[in-house]
Protein backbone atom coordinates (compact mmCIF):
# COMPACT_ATOMS: atom_id res chain seq x y z
CA MET A 1 -68.03 49.81 -272.01
CA ILE A 2 -66.11 46.56 -273.31
CA GLN A 3 -62.55 46.70 -274.00
CA ARG A 4 -59.96 44.02 -274.46
CA LEU A 5 -56.26 43.93 -275.99
CA MET A 6 -56.52 42.22 -279.63
CA HIS A 7 -53.14 42.04 -280.99
CA ILE A 8 -49.49 42.86 -279.59
CA THR A 9 -46.71 43.12 -281.91
CA LEU A 10 -43.84 41.53 -282.15
CA LEU A 11 -40.72 42.87 -284.38
CA VAL A 12 -39.44 39.86 -286.30
CA ASP A 13 -36.77 40.00 -288.64
CA ASP A 14 -38.39 37.36 -291.67
CA TYR A 15 -42.03 36.65 -291.32
CA ASP A 16 -41.95 33.01 -292.91
CA ARG A 17 -38.69 32.52 -290.26
CA ALA A 18 -40.79 33.60 -287.80
CA ILE A 19 -44.37 31.61 -288.61
CA GLU A 20 -42.16 28.62 -288.78
CA PHE A 21 -40.63 28.46 -285.11
CA TYR A 22 -43.72 29.82 -283.65
CA THR A 23 -46.00 27.31 -285.01
CA GLN A 24 -43.53 24.25 -285.61
CA LYS A 25 -41.76 25.37 -281.62
CA LEU A 26 -44.64 26.83 -279.97
CA ASN A 27 -47.34 24.79 -281.75
CA PHE A 28 -49.13 28.30 -282.08
CA GLU A 29 -51.54 28.40 -285.34
CA LEU A 30 -51.50 30.52 -287.97
CA VAL A 31 -54.72 32.61 -288.15
CA GLU A 32 -53.93 35.59 -290.84
CA ASP A 33 -51.28 36.09 -292.98
CA THR A 34 -52.34 38.39 -295.98
CA VAL A 35 -49.68 40.01 -298.55
CA LEU A 36 -50.25 43.84 -297.76
CA ASN A 37 -47.69 45.12 -300.66
CA GLU A 38 -44.36 43.84 -302.06
CA SER A 39 -42.63 44.32 -297.86
CA LYS A 40 -45.72 44.17 -295.38
CA ARG A 41 -47.51 41.37 -294.83
CA TRP A 42 -50.36 40.93 -292.00
CA VAL A 43 -49.47 38.00 -290.12
CA ILE A 44 -51.47 37.04 -287.08
CA ILE A 45 -50.86 33.65 -284.70
CA SER A 46 -52.32 32.59 -281.40
CA PRO A 47 -51.52 29.57 -279.37
CA PRO A 48 -53.92 26.81 -280.17
CA GLY A 49 -57.97 27.34 -278.65
CA SER A 50 -56.67 30.34 -277.80
CA GLU A 51 -59.61 33.21 -277.88
CA GLY A 52 -57.56 36.20 -275.83
CA CYS A 53 -55.26 38.21 -277.41
CA SER A 54 -53.01 37.18 -280.50
CA LEU A 55 -49.08 38.24 -281.81
CA LEU A 56 -49.23 39.95 -284.84
CA LEU A 57 -45.73 39.21 -286.50
CA ALA A 58 -44.48 42.89 -287.92
CA LYS A 59 -41.11 42.84 -289.95
CA ALA A 60 -38.88 45.44 -288.86
CA VAL A 61 -38.36 48.35 -291.78
CA ASN A 62 -35.45 50.42 -290.32
CA ALA A 63 -32.50 50.24 -287.55
CA GLU A 64 -34.33 51.35 -285.20
CA GLN A 65 -36.94 48.68 -284.97
CA ASN A 66 -34.46 46.43 -285.97
CA SER A 67 -32.50 46.98 -282.85
CA ARG A 68 -35.56 46.04 -280.66
CA ILE A 69 -35.72 42.35 -282.31
CA GLY A 70 -35.80 40.10 -279.44
CA ASN A 71 -35.49 43.05 -276.75
CA GLN A 72 -39.02 45.00 -276.81
CA THR A 73 -38.78 45.31 -272.93
CA GLY A 74 -35.01 45.68 -271.90
CA GLY A 75 -34.83 42.28 -271.02
CA ARG A 76 -38.02 41.26 -269.13
CA VAL A 77 -40.10 38.37 -269.26
CA PHE A 78 -42.39 39.63 -272.34
CA LEU A 79 -44.86 37.50 -273.11
CA PHE A 80 -46.87 35.43 -270.33
CA LEU A 81 -47.82 32.02 -271.94
CA GLN A 82 -50.82 30.27 -269.82
CA THR A 83 -51.13 26.72 -269.78
CA ASN A 84 -53.66 23.65 -268.51
CA ASP A 85 -50.98 20.84 -268.10
CA PHE A 86 -47.62 22.53 -267.59
CA LYS A 87 -45.56 19.30 -267.53
CA ARG A 88 -46.62 18.54 -270.92
CA ASP A 89 -46.10 21.64 -272.58
CA TYR A 90 -42.63 22.21 -270.97
CA ASP A 91 -41.68 18.58 -272.01
CA ILE A 92 -43.00 19.71 -275.81
CA LEU A 93 -40.76 23.00 -275.61
CA GLN A 94 -37.20 20.72 -274.37
CA SER A 95 -38.38 18.56 -277.29
CA LYS A 96 -38.32 20.81 -280.11
CA GLY A 97 -34.98 22.46 -278.26
CA VAL A 98 -36.69 25.62 -277.45
CA SER A 99 -33.70 27.63 -274.80
CA ILE A 100 -34.84 27.32 -271.20
CA ILE A 101 -33.81 30.28 -269.49
CA ARG A 102 -35.01 29.58 -265.79
CA GLU A 103 -36.29 25.86 -265.02
CA PRO A 104 -39.53 24.94 -263.79
CA SER A 105 -40.85 26.35 -260.00
CA VAL A 106 -43.57 26.00 -257.80
CA GLU A 107 -44.28 29.57 -256.93
CA ASP A 108 -47.81 30.50 -254.61
CA TYR A 109 -49.53 32.21 -257.57
CA GLY A 110 -48.54 28.65 -259.71
CA THR A 111 -45.66 26.33 -261.80
CA VAL A 112 -43.48 28.47 -263.83
CA ALA A 113 -40.83 28.41 -266.37
CA VAL A 114 -38.79 30.77 -268.55
CA PHE A 115 -38.01 30.20 -272.30
CA ALA A 116 -37.00 32.39 -274.80
CA ASP A 117 -38.13 32.54 -278.53
CA LEU A 118 -36.29 32.71 -281.70
CA TYR A 119 -35.36 35.88 -281.31
CA GLY A 120 -34.14 35.95 -277.33
CA ASN A 121 -37.44 37.25 -276.20
CA LEU A 122 -38.47 35.91 -272.50
CA TRP A 123 -41.56 34.32 -272.31
CA ASP A 124 -42.88 32.73 -268.63
CA LEU A 125 -44.82 29.36 -269.24
CA ILE A 126 -47.21 29.17 -266.22
CA GLU A 127 -49.63 27.15 -265.22
CA PRO A 128 -51.62 29.21 -262.57
CA THR A 129 -52.66 27.90 -259.02
CA ARG A 130 -55.90 26.40 -259.15
CA GLN A 131 -58.21 28.26 -256.60
CA GLY A 132 -60.88 26.97 -254.68
């Protein structure tokens, strides 16, 4: 049996605003943007070169969903962005004005910093410790 995570839904308030943030500030690629009806689009973004799980941007459509934008995990780090060059990507985040919540630190598992996206979702930027 082979299974893998395909997409993770991320609630947003506006498709175009979210696309702009993730593609311009985080350098993600817009994989797909298909209009499904007057109010719904199928929007997929992913980090450059990624072959793994991607993000499905979903526009909140009611009060309950709107209340979850930016807080889908109760304030915990929500997503983990792995890099092969921490300094390069951290410097890009800073130069583009992305909010750094926790400055870089070197841990047993790698170098990590916490940043917030457009909505306040917390992300780890992490370069894992190389093994062997």
